[in-house]
Each structure stands twice: as structure tokens, then as C-alpha cells.
Amino acid sequence: MEPAHGIPTTAELAEAVREFLSEQVMPATEGRLSFHARVAANVVAQIERELTLGPGFAAAHATRLEQLGFADDTELCAAIRSGDFDSGLDELLATLRPSAIERLLICNPRHLLPEDRPT
């Protein structure tokens, strides 16, 4: 949906803040202030990824949970705690590994294994 009256989207605003921090603040500062600008830029980059990737990833995760027979993570956690998956851990891992990769794609893609990085 197009924003009314040319108002920038939340993702566009986050991108502008990240670029300002990365391109203007960090090079013009040093020490503690530069470090905090880098941290803030990383946080805003995570927000950007959440805005763009999050809805699709959430829907995919919900579909995976449904395939396992659960409505939400709470039900899945209860089943794991009760031992329901003790004999099916390979299936559980195979089904939920993509969700873990997607979470890392949002939080910090640098922590992904090379084989899990998108091509």
C-alpha cells in the first residue's frame, strides 16, 4: 500500500537512519561515540530486516508448526519438554532448522554457517 501524501515508509525511515549513522556519524567520531553509533546502525539494520523479511518468515514458521501439528511455539515447547519428540528429533530438526536460519537472517546474518547463507 502506498503511503498517503508521500510519507516515507517505516522501512525507508529505518534505512535513512542507518545510512546516516554509518556514513556520517561513524566516520566523524571515534572511541565510545563511534562504537555506539555502530551499535545503533546495527540495531536499525536489524529493524530493516525485520520489516522486510519478518512477515514472510513468520508465515513460513507457522506453516512448519502446522505441519508438525502445533498451533504455536508454546504448544511445540510443551511437546518437546514432555518428551513427545524424543524419538523424532531428526524430523523436528529438519522441519525447524529453516526457522532458526530465518531468525539469524534477521538478527545477525553474519552468524550463519556458509552453507546456510542465501545465494
N, C-alpha and C. Protein backbone atom coordinates (compact mmCIF):
# COMPACT_ATOMS: atom_id res chain seq x y z
N MET A 1 0.84 -1.18 0.00
CA MET A 1 0.00 0.00 0.00
C MET A 1 0.88 1.24 0.00
N GLU A 2 0.58 2.16 -0.86
CA GLU A 2 1.33 3.40 -0.94
C GLU A 2 0.99 4.32 0.23
N PRO A 3 2.01 4.89 0.87
CA PRO A 3 1.72 5.83 1.96
C PRO A 3 1.07 7.10 1.41
N ALA A 4 0.19 7.67 2.20
CA ALA A 4 -0.52 8.88 1.80
C ALA A 4 0.43 10.07 1.76
N HIS A 5 0.27 10.90 0.77
CA HIS A 5 0.97 12.19 0.70
C HIS A 5 2.49 12.05 0.70
N GLY A 6 3.02 10.98 0.14
CA GLY A 6 4.46 10.84 0.03
C GLY A 6 5.18 10.61 1.33
N ILE A 7 4.48 10.18 2.36
CA ILE A 7 5.12 9.91 3.64
C ILE A 7 6.00 8.67 3.49
N PRO A 8 7.25 8.74 3.94
CA PRO A 8 8.12 7.57 3.81
C PRO A 8 7.62 6.40 4.65
N THR A 9 7.90 5.20 4.16
CA THR A 9 7.53 4.00 4.91
C THR A 9 8.45 3.85 6.11
N THR A 10 8.07 3.00 7.03
CA THR A 10 8.91 2.72 8.19
C THR A 10 10.25 2.16 7.75
N ALA A 11 10.24 1.28 6.77
CA ALA A 11 11.49 0.71 6.26
C ALA A 11 12.38 1.79 5.66
N GLU A 12 11.80 2.73 4.94
CA GLU A 12 12.58 3.82 4.36
C GLU A 12 13.17 4.72 5.44
N LEU A 13 12.42 4.98 6.48
CA LEU A 13 12.93 5.78 7.59
C LEU A 13 14.09 5.07 8.29
N ALA A 14 13.93 3.77 8.52
CA ALA A 14 15.00 2.99 9.16
C ALA A 14 16.25 3.01 8.29
N GLU A 15 16.08 2.86 6.99
CA GLU A 15 17.23 2.88 6.09
C GLU A 15 17.94 4.23 6.16
N ALA A 16 17.20 5.31 6.19
CA ALA A 16 17.79 6.65 6.25
C ALA A 16 18.60 6.83 7.55
N VAL A 17 18.06 6.36 8.65
CA VAL A 17 18.77 6.48 9.93
C VAL A 17 20.04 5.64 9.91
N ARG A 18 19.93 4.41 9.41
CA ARG A 18 21.12 3.53 9.35
C ARG A 18 22.20 4.16 8.47
N GLU A 19 21.80 4.67 7.32
CA GLU A 19 22.78 5.29 6.43
C GLU A 19 23.42 6.52 7.07
N PHE A 20 22.65 7.33 7.77
CA PHE A 20 23.19 8.50 8.46
C PHE A 20 24.22 8.07 9.49
N LEU A 21 23.88 7.08 10.30
CA LEU A 21 24.81 6.61 11.32
C LEU A 21 26.08 6.04 10.70
N SER A 22 25.92 5.22 9.68
CA SER A 22 27.06 4.55 9.05
C SER A 22 27.93 5.48 8.23
N GLU A 23 27.30 6.39 7.51
CA GLU A 23 28.03 7.22 6.56
C GLU A 23 28.44 8.59 7.10
N GLN A 24 27.73 9.08 8.12
CA GLN A 24 28.03 10.42 8.63
C GLN A 24 28.59 10.39 10.05
N VAL A 25 27.91 9.70 10.95
CA VAL A 25 28.30 9.74 12.37
C VAL A 25 29.55 8.92 12.62
N MET A 26 29.57 7.67 12.19
CA MET A 26 30.71 6.81 12.49
C MET A 26 32.04 7.36 11.95
N PRO A 27 32.09 7.82 10.70
CA PRO A 27 33.37 8.35 10.21
C PRO A 27 33.80 9.65 10.90
N ALA A 28 32.85 10.38 11.44
CA ALA A 28 33.16 11.68 12.04
C ALA A 28 33.43 11.60 13.55
N THR A 29 33.36 10.40 14.09
CA THR A 29 33.56 10.25 15.53
C THR A 29 34.60 9.16 15.78
N GLU A 30 34.98 9.03 17.02
CA GLU A 30 35.92 7.98 17.40
C GLU A 30 35.59 7.49 18.80
N GLY A 31 36.22 6.42 19.16
CA GLY A 31 36.05 5.90 20.51
C GLY A 31 34.64 5.46 20.81
N ARG A 32 34.22 5.80 22.01
CA ARG A 32 32.93 5.35 22.53
C ARG A 32 31.76 5.79 21.66
N LEU A 33 31.77 7.04 21.20
CA LEU A 33 30.67 7.55 20.38
C LEU A 33 30.59 6.81 19.05
N SER A 34 31.72 6.55 18.43
CA SER A 34 31.73 5.80 17.19
C SER A 34 31.22 4.38 17.41
N PHE A 35 31.64 3.76 18.52
CA PHE A 35 31.17 2.42 18.85
C PHE A 35 29.65 2.39 19.02
N HIS A 36 29.13 3.37 19.76
CA HIS A 36 27.68 3.40 19.98
C HIS A 36 26.93 3.71 18.68
N ALA A 37 27.51 4.50 17.81
CA ALA A 37 26.89 4.74 16.50
C ALA A 37 26.85 3.44 15.69
N ARG A 38 27.92 2.64 15.77
CA ARG A 38 27.95 1.35 15.06
C ARG A 38 26.89 0.41 15.62
N VAL A 39 26.77 0.37 16.95
CA VAL A 39 25.74 -0.47 17.58
C VAL A 39 24.36 -0.02 17.13
N ALA A 40 24.12 1.30 17.14
CA ALA A 40 22.81 1.82 16.73
C ALA A 40 22.54 1.50 15.26
N ALA A 41 23.55 1.61 14.40
CA ALA A 41 23.38 1.28 12.98
C ALA A 41 23.03 -0.19 12.82
N ASN A 42 23.66 -1.06 13.61
CA ASN A 42 23.35 -2.49 13.54
C ASN A 42 21.93 -2.77 14.01
N VAL A 43 21.48 -2.07 15.03
CA VAL A 43 20.10 -2.24 15.52
C VAL A 43 19.11 -1.81 14.45
N VAL A 44 19.37 -0.69 13.83
CA VAL A 44 18.46 -0.20 12.79
C VAL A 44 18.47 -1.15 11.59
N ALA A 45 19.63 -1.71 11.26
CA ALA A 45 19.69 -2.69 10.16
C ALA A 45 18.84 -3.92 10.51
N GLN A 46 18.86 -4.33 11.77
CA GLN A 46 18.03 -5.46 12.19
C GLN A 46 16.55 -5.10 12.06
N ILE A 47 16.20 -3.89 12.42
CA ILE A 47 14.81 -3.44 12.27
C ILE A 47 14.40 -3.47 10.80
N GLU A 48 15.29 -3.02 9.91
CA GLU A 48 15.01 -3.07 8.48
C GLU A 48 14.73 -4.50 8.02
N ARG A 49 15.58 -5.42 8.45
CA ARG A 49 15.39 -6.82 8.05
C ARG A 49 14.09 -7.38 8.62
N GLU A 50 13.76 -7.01 9.84
CA GLU A 50 12.51 -7.48 10.44
C GLU A 50 11.31 -6.96 9.65
N LEU A 51 11.37 -5.72 9.24
CA LEU A 51 10.26 -5.13 8.48
C LEU A 51 10.10 -5.78 7.12
N THR A 52 11.20 -6.10 6.46
CA THR A 52 11.10 -6.63 5.11
C THR A 52 10.95 -8.15 5.08
N LEU A 53 11.65 -8.85 5.96
CA LEU A 53 11.65 -10.31 5.94
C LEU A 53 10.70 -10.94 6.95
N GLY A 54 10.45 -10.25 8.04
CA GLY A 54 9.71 -10.82 9.16
C GLY A 54 8.35 -11.40 8.84
N PRO A 55 7.49 -10.68 8.14
CA PRO A 55 6.15 -11.24 7.88
C PRO A 55 6.18 -12.56 7.09
N GLY A 56 7.02 -12.63 6.08
CA GLY A 56 7.12 -13.86 5.31
C GLY A 56 7.69 -15.01 6.13
N PHE A 57 8.71 -14.70 6.93
CA PHE A 57 9.32 -15.72 7.78
C PHE A 57 8.33 -16.21 8.84
N ALA A 58 7.55 -15.30 9.39
CA ALA A 58 6.55 -15.69 10.40
C ALA A 58 5.51 -16.63 9.80
N ALA A 59 5.08 -16.33 8.60
CA ALA A 59 4.10 -17.19 7.92
C ALA A 59 4.69 -18.56 7.62
N ALA A 60 5.95 -18.59 7.19
CA ALA A 60 6.60 -19.87 6.91
C ALA A 60 6.76 -20.69 8.18
N HIS A 61 7.11 -20.04 9.27
CA HIS A 61 7.27 -20.74 10.56
C HIS A 61 5.92 -21.31 11.02
N ALA A 62 4.87 -20.52 10.87
CA ALA A 62 3.53 -21.00 11.25
C ALA A 62 3.15 -22.24 10.43
N THR A 63 3.49 -22.24 9.17
CA THR A 63 3.21 -23.39 8.31
C THR A 63 4.00 -24.61 8.79
N ARG A 64 5.25 -24.41 9.17
CA ARG A 64 6.07 -25.52 9.68
C ARG A 64 5.47 -26.08 10.97
N LEU A 65 5.05 -25.20 11.86
CA LEU A 65 4.42 -25.66 13.10
C LEU A 65 3.17 -26.46 12.80
N GLU A 66 2.39 -25.97 11.86
CA GLU A 66 1.16 -26.67 11.47
C GLU A 66 1.47 -28.07 10.93
N GLN A 67 2.54 -28.17 10.14
CA GLN A 67 2.95 -29.48 9.60
C GLN A 67 3.30 -30.46 10.72
N LEU A 68 3.82 -29.91 11.82
CA LEU A 68 4.15 -30.74 12.97
C LEU A 68 2.94 -31.00 13.86
N GLY A 69 1.84 -30.30 13.60
CA GLY A 69 0.62 -30.49 14.37
C GLY A 69 0.45 -29.55 15.54
N PHE A 70 1.08 -28.37 15.46
CA PHE A 70 1.01 -27.42 16.57
C PHE A 70 0.50 -26.06 16.09
N ALA A 71 -0.22 -25.38 16.97
CA ALA A 71 -0.76 -24.07 16.65
C ALA A 71 0.25 -22.96 16.86
N ASP A 72 1.19 -23.16 17.79
CA ASP A 72 2.15 -22.11 18.11
C ASP A 72 3.38 -22.69 18.79
N ASP A 73 4.35 -21.82 19.05
CA ASP A 73 5.59 -22.25 19.69
C ASP A 73 5.37 -22.79 21.10
N THR A 74 4.39 -22.25 21.80
CA THR A 74 4.11 -22.70 23.16
C THR A 74 3.73 -24.18 23.17
N GLU A 75 2.85 -24.56 22.25
CA GLU A 75 2.46 -25.97 22.16
C GLU A 75 3.65 -26.85 21.78
N LEU A 76 4.46 -26.39 20.86
CA LEU A 76 5.64 -27.15 20.45
C LEU A 76 6.59 -27.33 21.62
N CYS A 77 6.86 -26.27 22.35
CA CYS A 77 7.77 -26.35 23.51
C CYS A 77 7.24 -27.34 24.55
N ALA A 78 5.96 -27.31 24.79
CA ALA A 78 5.37 -28.24 25.76
C ALA A 78 5.57 -29.69 25.29
N ALA A 79 5.40 -29.94 24.00
CA ALA A 79 5.58 -31.29 23.47
C ALA A 79 7.04 -31.73 23.57
N ILE A 80 7.96 -30.81 23.32
CA ILE A 80 9.38 -31.15 23.44
C ILE A 80 9.72 -31.46 24.89
N ARG A 81 9.25 -30.61 25.81
CA ARG A 81 9.52 -30.83 27.24
C ARG A 81 8.95 -32.17 27.74
N SER A 82 7.81 -32.55 27.21
CA SER A 82 7.17 -33.78 27.68
C SER A 82 7.79 -35.03 27.07
N GLY A 83 8.71 -34.85 26.11
CA GLY A 83 9.38 -35.99 25.52
C GLY A 83 8.71 -36.53 24.27
N ASP A 84 7.69 -35.83 23.77
CA ASP A 84 6.97 -36.31 22.59
C ASP A 84 7.86 -36.46 21.35
N PHE A 85 8.97 -35.74 21.30
CA PHE A 85 9.84 -35.78 20.13
C PHE A 85 11.13 -36.54 20.37
N ASP A 86 11.24 -37.21 21.49
CA ASP A 86 12.47 -37.92 21.81
C ASP A 86 12.85 -38.93 20.72
N SER A 87 11.88 -39.53 20.07
CA SER A 87 12.19 -40.49 19.01
C SER A 87 12.10 -39.86 17.62
N GLY A 88 11.78 -38.58 17.53
CA GLY A 88 11.64 -37.92 16.23
C GLY A 88 12.42 -36.63 16.13
N LEU A 89 13.58 -36.60 16.78
CA LEU A 89 14.36 -35.36 16.78
C LEU A 89 14.88 -34.98 15.40
N ASP A 90 15.18 -35.98 14.57
CA ASP A 90 15.66 -35.67 13.22
C ASP A 90 14.58 -34.95 12.41
N GLU A 91 13.35 -35.43 12.50
CA GLU A 91 12.23 -34.78 11.80
C GLU A 91 12.02 -33.36 12.34
N LEU A 92 12.07 -33.22 13.65
CA LEU A 92 11.89 -31.91 14.28
C LEU A 92 12.97 -30.95 13.81
N LEU A 93 14.22 -31.39 13.83
CA LEU A 93 15.33 -30.55 13.40
C LEU A 93 15.18 -30.16 11.94
N ALA A 94 14.87 -31.12 11.10
CA ALA A 94 14.72 -30.83 9.66
C ALA A 94 13.59 -29.84 9.40
N THR A 95 12.53 -29.96 10.16
CA THR A 95 11.38 -29.08 9.96
C THR A 95 11.64 -27.67 10.48
N LEU A 96 12.35 -27.56 11.62
CA LEU A 96 12.51 -26.24 12.26
C LEU A 96 13.84 -25.54 11.94
N ARG A 97 14.79 -26.24 11.35
CA ARG A 97 16.06 -25.61 11.00
C ARG A 97 15.86 -24.36 10.14
N PRO A 98 14.99 -24.41 9.13
CA PRO A 98 14.78 -23.19 8.34
C PRO A 98 14.30 -22.00 9.19
N SER A 99 13.51 -22.27 10.21
CA SER A 99 13.05 -21.18 11.09
C SER A 99 14.23 -20.57 11.84
N ALA A 100 15.15 -21.40 12.30
CA ALA A 100 16.33 -20.89 13.00
C ALA A 100 17.20 -20.06 12.06
N ILE A 101 17.35 -20.53 10.84
CA ILE A 101 18.13 -19.78 9.84
C ILE A 101 17.46 -18.44 9.56
N GLU A 102 16.15 -18.44 9.43
CA GLU A 102 15.43 -17.19 9.17
C GLU A 102 15.58 -16.21 10.33
N ARG A 103 15.57 -16.71 11.55
CA ARG A 103 15.76 -15.82 12.70
C ARG A 103 17.14 -15.18 12.65
N LEU A 104 18.16 -15.97 12.30
CA LEU A 104 19.51 -15.41 12.18
C LEU A 104 19.61 -14.43 11.02
N LEU A 105 18.89 -14.69 9.94
CA LEU A 105 18.89 -13.74 8.82
C LEU A 105 18.40 -12.37 9.27
N ILE A 106 17.50 -12.35 10.22
CA ILE A 106 17.00 -11.08 10.74
C ILE A 106 17.94 -10.53 11.81
N CYS A 107 18.26 -11.34 12.80
CA CYS A 107 19.05 -10.86 13.95
C CYS A 107 20.48 -10.49 13.58
N ASN A 108 21.18 -11.44 12.96
CA ASN A 108 22.56 -11.18 12.60
C ASN A 108 23.01 -12.22 11.57
N PRO A 109 22.87 -11.91 10.30
CA PRO A 109 23.21 -12.87 9.25
C PRO A 109 24.68 -13.32 9.28
N ARG A 110 25.54 -12.54 9.92
CA ARG A 110 26.96 -12.92 9.99
C ARG A 110 27.17 -14.19 10.79
N HIS A 111 26.21 -14.58 11.61
CA HIS A 111 26.34 -15.78 12.42
C HIS A 111 25.91 -17.05 11.69
N LEU A 112 25.42 -16.91 10.47
CA LEU A 112 25.02 -18.08 9.70
C LEU A 112 26.24 -18.86 9.23
N LEU A 113 26.07 -20.17 9.12
CA LEU A 113 27.09 -21.00 8.51
C LEU A 113 27.13 -20.68 7.02
N PRO A 114 28.27 -20.83 6.39
CA PRO A 114 28.33 -20.51 4.95
C PRO A 114 27.27 -21.23 4.12
N GLU A 115 27.00 -22.48 4.45
CA GLU A 115 26.01 -23.24 3.66
C GLU A 115 24.58 -22.78 3.92
N ASP A 116 24.35 -21.99 4.95
CA ASP A 116 23.01 -21.51 5.26
C ASP A 116 22.75 -20.10 4.74
N ARG A 117 23.77 -19.47 4.18
CA ARG A 117 23.60 -18.12 3.66
C ARG A 117 22.85 -18.15 2.35
N PRO A 118 21.95 -17.19 2.15
CA PRO A 118 21.20 -17.16 0.89
C PRO A 118 22.14 -16.90 -0.29
N THR A 119 21.77 -17.46 -1.41
CA THR A 119 22.62 -17.29 -2.60
C THR A 119 22.13 -16.15 -3.45
